[in-house]
Amino acid sequence: MTMAAFRPRAPGVRVELDPDDVGRGFATLVLALAEAVRELLERQAIRRIDAGDLDATQIERLGSALLAARRQLTDLRDALEERPRETEHRKDMS
């Protein structure tokens, strides 16, 4: 094969990346992952409560920690000016 076989047939397209857009995209991805982890932790907490694995003090501490995590993620989402994720898929996962 010759080098001509590897040349693009259409004019080259240059992708210009703005560092701010890349950073915002990465922050949005991290936020989405953190929200998914928080949701999983909440579900696990509910399972443990329903199973009777926790005493009243542990339930109180767990609830406070989960509430604080939710607030921190809300603050972060507000700082990034992101809307909350759509919740339709959450119903399917429950």
N, C-alpha and C. Protein backbone atom coordinates (compact mmCIF):
# COMPACT_ATOMS: atom_id res chain seq x y z
N MET A 1 0.83 -1.19 0.00
CA MET A 1 0.00 0.00 0.00
C MET A 1 0.87 1.24 0.00
N THR A 2 0.36 2.25 -0.64
CA THR A 2 1.08 3.51 -0.68
C THR A 2 0.51 4.45 0.36
N MET A 3 1.21 5.51 0.61
CA MET A 3 0.75 6.51 1.56
C MET A 3 -0.53 7.18 1.08
N ALA A 4 -0.76 7.22 -0.22
CA ALA A 4 -1.97 7.84 -0.76
C ALA A 4 -3.21 7.10 -0.28
N ALA A 5 -3.09 5.81 0.00
CA ALA A 5 -4.24 5.02 0.47
C ALA A 5 -4.71 5.47 1.85
N PHE A 6 -3.83 6.10 2.61
CA PHE A 6 -4.18 6.52 3.97
C PHE A 6 -4.61 7.97 4.07
N ARG A 7 -4.57 8.69 2.97
CA ARG A 7 -4.96 10.10 3.01
C ARG A 7 -6.48 10.22 3.09
N PRO A 8 -6.96 11.17 3.88
CA PRO A 8 -8.41 11.36 3.93
C PRO A 8 -8.93 11.87 2.59
N ARG A 9 -10.09 11.44 2.21
CA ARG A 9 -10.67 11.85 0.93
C ARG A 9 -11.34 13.22 1.04
N ALA A 10 -11.87 13.54 2.21
CA ALA A 10 -12.50 14.84 2.42
C ALA A 10 -11.47 15.78 3.04
N PRO A 11 -11.71 17.08 2.90
CA PRO A 11 -10.78 18.02 3.54
C PRO A 11 -10.73 17.75 5.04
N GLY A 12 -9.57 17.92 5.61
CA GLY A 12 -9.39 17.67 7.04
C GLY A 12 -10.25 18.60 7.88
N VAL A 13 -10.73 18.07 8.97
CA VAL A 13 -11.53 18.86 9.90
C VAL A 13 -10.71 19.02 11.17
N ARG A 14 -10.53 20.23 11.57
CA ARG A 14 -9.76 20.50 12.77
C ARG A 14 -10.73 20.67 13.93
N VAL A 15 -10.48 19.92 14.98
CA VAL A 15 -11.29 20.03 16.19
C VAL A 15 -10.55 20.93 17.15
N GLU A 16 -11.20 22.00 17.53
CA GLU A 16 -10.59 22.91 18.49
C GLU A 16 -11.25 22.70 19.83
N LEU A 17 -10.44 22.42 20.81
CA LEU A 17 -10.95 22.18 22.16
C LEU A 17 -10.67 23.38 23.04
N ASP A 18 -11.70 23.82 23.71
CA ASP A 18 -11.57 24.90 24.67
C ASP A 18 -11.32 24.26 26.04
N PRO A 19 -10.24 24.62 26.71
CA PRO A 19 -9.94 24.01 28.01
C PRO A 19 -11.07 24.16 29.02
N ASP A 20 -11.80 25.25 28.97
CA ASP A 20 -12.92 25.44 29.89
C ASP A 20 -14.04 24.44 29.61
N ASP A 21 -14.32 24.18 28.33
CA ASP A 21 -15.35 23.21 27.97
C ASP A 21 -14.95 21.81 28.38
N VAL A 22 -13.68 21.48 28.19
CA VAL A 22 -13.21 20.15 28.57
C VAL A 22 -13.30 19.99 30.09
N GLY A 23 -12.89 21.00 30.81
CA GLY A 23 -12.96 20.95 32.28
C GLY A 23 -14.39 20.84 32.77
N ARG A 24 -15.28 21.59 32.17
CA ARG A 24 -16.70 21.53 32.56
C ARG A 24 -17.28 20.16 32.25
N GLY A 25 -16.93 19.61 31.10
CA GLY A 25 -17.41 18.28 30.74
C GLY A 25 -16.92 17.22 31.72
N PHE A 26 -15.65 17.33 32.10
CA PHE A 26 -15.11 16.38 33.07
C PHE A 26 -15.78 16.55 34.43
N ALA A 27 -15.99 17.78 34.85
CA ALA A 27 -16.65 18.03 36.14
C ALA A 27 -18.08 17.49 36.12
N THR A 28 -18.77 17.64 35.00
CA THR A 28 -20.13 17.13 34.87
C THR A 28 -20.14 15.60 34.96
N LEU A 29 -19.16 14.97 34.34
CA LEU A 29 -19.04 13.51 34.41
C LEU A 29 -18.80 13.05 35.85
N VAL A 30 -17.88 13.72 36.53
CA VAL A 30 -17.58 13.36 37.92
C VAL A 30 -18.81 13.56 38.79
N LEU A 31 -19.55 14.63 38.56
CA LEU A 31 -20.77 14.88 39.33
C LEU A 31 -21.80 13.78 39.09
N ALA A 32 -21.98 13.38 37.86
CA ALA A 32 -22.93 12.31 37.54
C ALA A 32 -22.53 11.00 38.23
N LEU A 33 -21.24 10.70 38.22
CA LEU A 33 -20.77 9.49 38.90
C LEU A 33 -20.99 9.58 40.41
N ALA A 34 -20.70 10.74 40.98
CA ALA A 34 -20.89 10.92 42.42
C ALA A 34 -22.37 10.79 42.80
N GLU A 35 -23.26 11.32 41.97
CA GLU A 35 -24.69 11.18 42.24
C GLU A 35 -25.14 9.72 42.15
N ALA A 36 -24.59 9.00 41.20
CA ALA A 36 -24.93 7.57 41.08
C ALA A 36 -24.46 6.80 42.30
N VAL A 37 -23.27 7.10 42.78
CA VAL A 37 -22.76 6.43 43.99
C VAL A 37 -23.62 6.78 45.19
N ARG A 38 -24.00 8.06 45.30
CA ARG A 38 -24.86 8.47 46.42
C ARG A 38 -26.18 7.71 46.39
N GLU A 39 -26.77 7.56 45.22
CA GLU A 39 -28.03 6.82 45.09
C GLU A 39 -27.86 5.37 45.52
N LEU A 40 -26.76 4.76 45.11
CA LEU A 40 -26.49 3.38 45.51
C LEU A 40 -26.32 3.26 47.02
N LEU A 41 -25.63 4.22 47.61
CA LEU A 41 -25.45 4.21 49.06
C LEU A 41 -26.79 4.37 49.79
N GLU A 42 -27.66 5.21 49.27
CA GLU A 42 -28.98 5.39 49.88
C GLU A 42 -29.79 4.09 49.81
N ARG A 43 -29.73 3.43 48.65
CA ARG A 43 -30.46 2.16 48.51
C ARG A 43 -29.92 1.10 49.47
N GLN A 44 -28.59 1.05 49.59
CA GLN A 44 -27.98 0.09 50.49
C GLN A 44 -28.37 0.40 51.94
N ALA A 45 -28.41 1.67 52.28
CA ALA A 45 -28.81 2.05 53.64
C ALA A 45 -30.24 1.61 53.92
N ILE A 46 -31.12 1.80 52.96
CA ILE A 46 -32.51 1.39 53.14
C ILE A 46 -32.60 -0.12 53.33
N ARG A 47 -31.83 -0.86 52.54
CA ARG A 47 -31.82 -2.33 52.70
C ARG A 47 -31.35 -2.74 54.08
N ARG A 48 -30.29 -2.07 54.57
CA ARG A 48 -29.77 -2.42 55.90
C ARG A 48 -30.76 -2.06 57.00
N ILE A 49 -31.46 -0.94 56.83
CA ILE A 49 -32.47 -0.55 57.82
C ILE A 49 -33.61 -1.55 57.81
N ASP A 50 -34.09 -1.88 56.61
CA ASP A 50 -35.19 -2.84 56.49
C ASP A 50 -34.82 -4.21 57.04
N ALA A 51 -33.55 -4.59 56.91
CA ALA A 51 -33.09 -5.89 57.40
C ALA A 51 -32.86 -5.89 58.91
N GLY A 52 -32.90 -4.71 59.53
CA GLY A 52 -32.68 -4.62 60.97
C GLY A 52 -31.22 -4.70 61.37
N ASP A 53 -30.32 -4.41 60.44
CA ASP A 53 -28.89 -4.49 60.71
C ASP A 53 -28.33 -3.31 61.49
N LEU A 54 -29.11 -2.24 61.64
CA LEU A 54 -28.61 -1.01 62.27
C LEU A 54 -29.45 -0.66 63.49
N ASP A 55 -28.78 -0.12 64.51
CA ASP A 55 -29.53 0.37 65.66
C ASP A 55 -29.92 1.83 65.41
N ALA A 56 -30.66 2.41 66.32
CA ALA A 56 -31.19 3.77 66.14
C ALA A 56 -30.07 4.81 65.96
N THR A 57 -29.00 4.67 66.70
CA THR A 57 -27.88 5.62 66.59
C THR A 57 -27.22 5.51 65.22
N GLN A 58 -27.02 4.30 64.75
CA GLN A 58 -26.41 4.11 63.43
C GLN A 58 -27.31 4.65 62.33
N ILE A 59 -28.61 4.44 62.47
CA ILE A 59 -29.55 4.96 61.48
C ILE A 59 -29.49 6.48 61.44
N GLU A 60 -29.43 7.09 62.60
CA GLU A 60 -29.37 8.56 62.67
C GLU A 60 -28.09 9.08 62.03
N ARG A 61 -26.96 8.46 62.35
CA ARG A 61 -25.68 8.88 61.77
C ARG A 61 -25.64 8.67 60.26
N LEU A 62 -26.16 7.55 59.82
CA LEU A 62 -26.20 7.26 58.39
C LEU A 62 -27.09 8.25 57.66
N GLY A 63 -28.24 8.54 58.23
CA GLY A 63 -29.15 9.51 57.62
C GLY A 63 -28.52 10.89 57.51
N SER A 64 -27.83 11.30 58.57
CA SER A 64 -27.16 12.61 58.56
C SER A 64 -26.06 12.66 57.50
N ALA A 65 -25.30 11.58 57.39
CA ALA A 65 -24.21 11.53 56.41
C ALA A 65 -24.76 11.56 54.98
N LEU A 66 -25.83 10.81 54.74
CA LEU A 66 -26.42 10.80 53.40
C LEU A 66 -27.04 12.15 53.05
N LEU A 67 -27.65 12.79 54.02
CA LEU A 67 -28.23 14.11 53.79
C LEU A 67 -27.13 15.13 53.48
N ALA A 68 -26.02 15.05 54.21
CA ALA A 68 -24.90 15.96 53.95
C ALA A 68 -24.33 15.73 52.56
N ALA A 69 -24.22 14.48 52.16
CA ALA A 69 -23.71 14.17 50.82
C ALA A 69 -24.64 14.73 49.76
N ARG A 70 -25.94 14.59 49.97
CA ARG A 70 -26.91 15.12 49.01
C ARG A 70 -26.78 16.64 48.90
N ARG A 71 -26.64 17.30 50.03
CA ARG A 71 -26.49 18.77 50.02
C ARG A 71 -25.21 19.19 49.29
N GLN A 72 -24.12 18.49 49.55
CA GLN A 72 -22.86 18.84 48.90
C GLN A 72 -22.94 18.65 47.39
N LEU A 73 -23.58 17.59 46.96
CA LEU A 73 -23.74 17.37 45.52
C LEU A 73 -24.66 18.42 44.90
N THR A 74 -25.68 18.82 45.63
CA THR A 74 -26.57 19.88 45.14
C THR A 74 -25.79 21.18 44.99
N ASP A 75 -24.96 21.49 46.00
CA ASP A 75 -24.14 22.70 45.91
C ASP A 75 -23.19 22.65 44.74
N LEU A 76 -22.59 21.49 44.53
CA LEU A 76 -21.66 21.34 43.41
C LEU A 76 -22.39 21.48 42.08
N ARG A 77 -23.56 20.86 41.97
CA ARG A 77 -24.35 20.97 40.74
C ARG A 77 -24.74 22.43 40.49
N ASP A 78 -25.13 23.13 41.55
CA ASP A 78 -25.46 24.55 41.40
C ASP A 78 -24.25 25.36 40.95
N ALA A 79 -23.09 25.01 41.49
CA ALA A 79 -21.87 25.73 41.10
C ALA A 79 -21.54 25.49 39.63
N LEU A 80 -21.86 24.32 39.13
CA LEU A 80 -21.62 24.01 37.72
C LEU A 80 -22.79 24.43 36.83
N GLU A 81 -23.83 24.93 37.46
CA GLU A 81 -25.04 25.35 36.75
C GLU A 81 -25.64 24.21 35.94
N GLU A 82 -25.66 23.03 36.53
CA GLU A 82 -26.23 21.86 35.87
C GLU A 82 -27.61 21.60 36.42
N ARG A 83 -28.45 21.05 35.58
CA ARG A 83 -29.78 20.62 36.03
C ARG A 83 -29.66 19.22 36.61
N PRO A 84 -30.56 18.85 37.54
CA PRO A 84 -30.54 17.48 38.05
C PRO A 84 -30.77 16.49 36.91
N ARG A 85 -30.20 15.31 37.06
CA ARG A 85 -30.38 14.28 36.04
C ARG A 85 -31.84 13.88 35.97
N GLU A 86 -32.24 13.40 34.81
CA GLU A 86 -33.59 12.87 34.66
C GLU A 86 -33.72 11.65 35.55
N THR A 87 -34.88 11.49 36.18
CA THR A 87 -35.03 10.43 37.16
C THR A 87 -35.82 9.24 36.64
N GLU A 88 -36.20 9.23 35.37
CA GLU A 88 -37.01 8.14 34.85
C GLU A 88 -36.30 6.81 34.97
N HIS A 89 -34.99 6.77 34.69
CA HIS A 89 -34.29 5.50 34.76
C HIS A 89 -34.16 5.00 36.20
N ARG A 90 -34.24 5.89 37.17
CA ARG A 90 -34.14 5.49 38.58
C ARG A 90 -35.32 4.60 38.96
N LYS A 91 -36.51 4.90 38.43
CA LYS A 91 -37.68 4.11 38.76
C LYS A 91 -37.50 2.69 38.29
N ASP A 92 -36.85 2.52 37.15
CA ASP A 92 -36.61 1.18 36.62
C ASP A 92 -35.62 0.40 37.47
N MET A 93 -34.71 1.10 38.14
CA MET A 93 -33.66 0.46 38.90
C MET A 93 -34.14 0.05 40.31
N SER A 94 -35.22 0.63 40.78
CA SER A 94 -35.68 0.36 42.15
C SER A 94 -36.27 -1.02 42.28
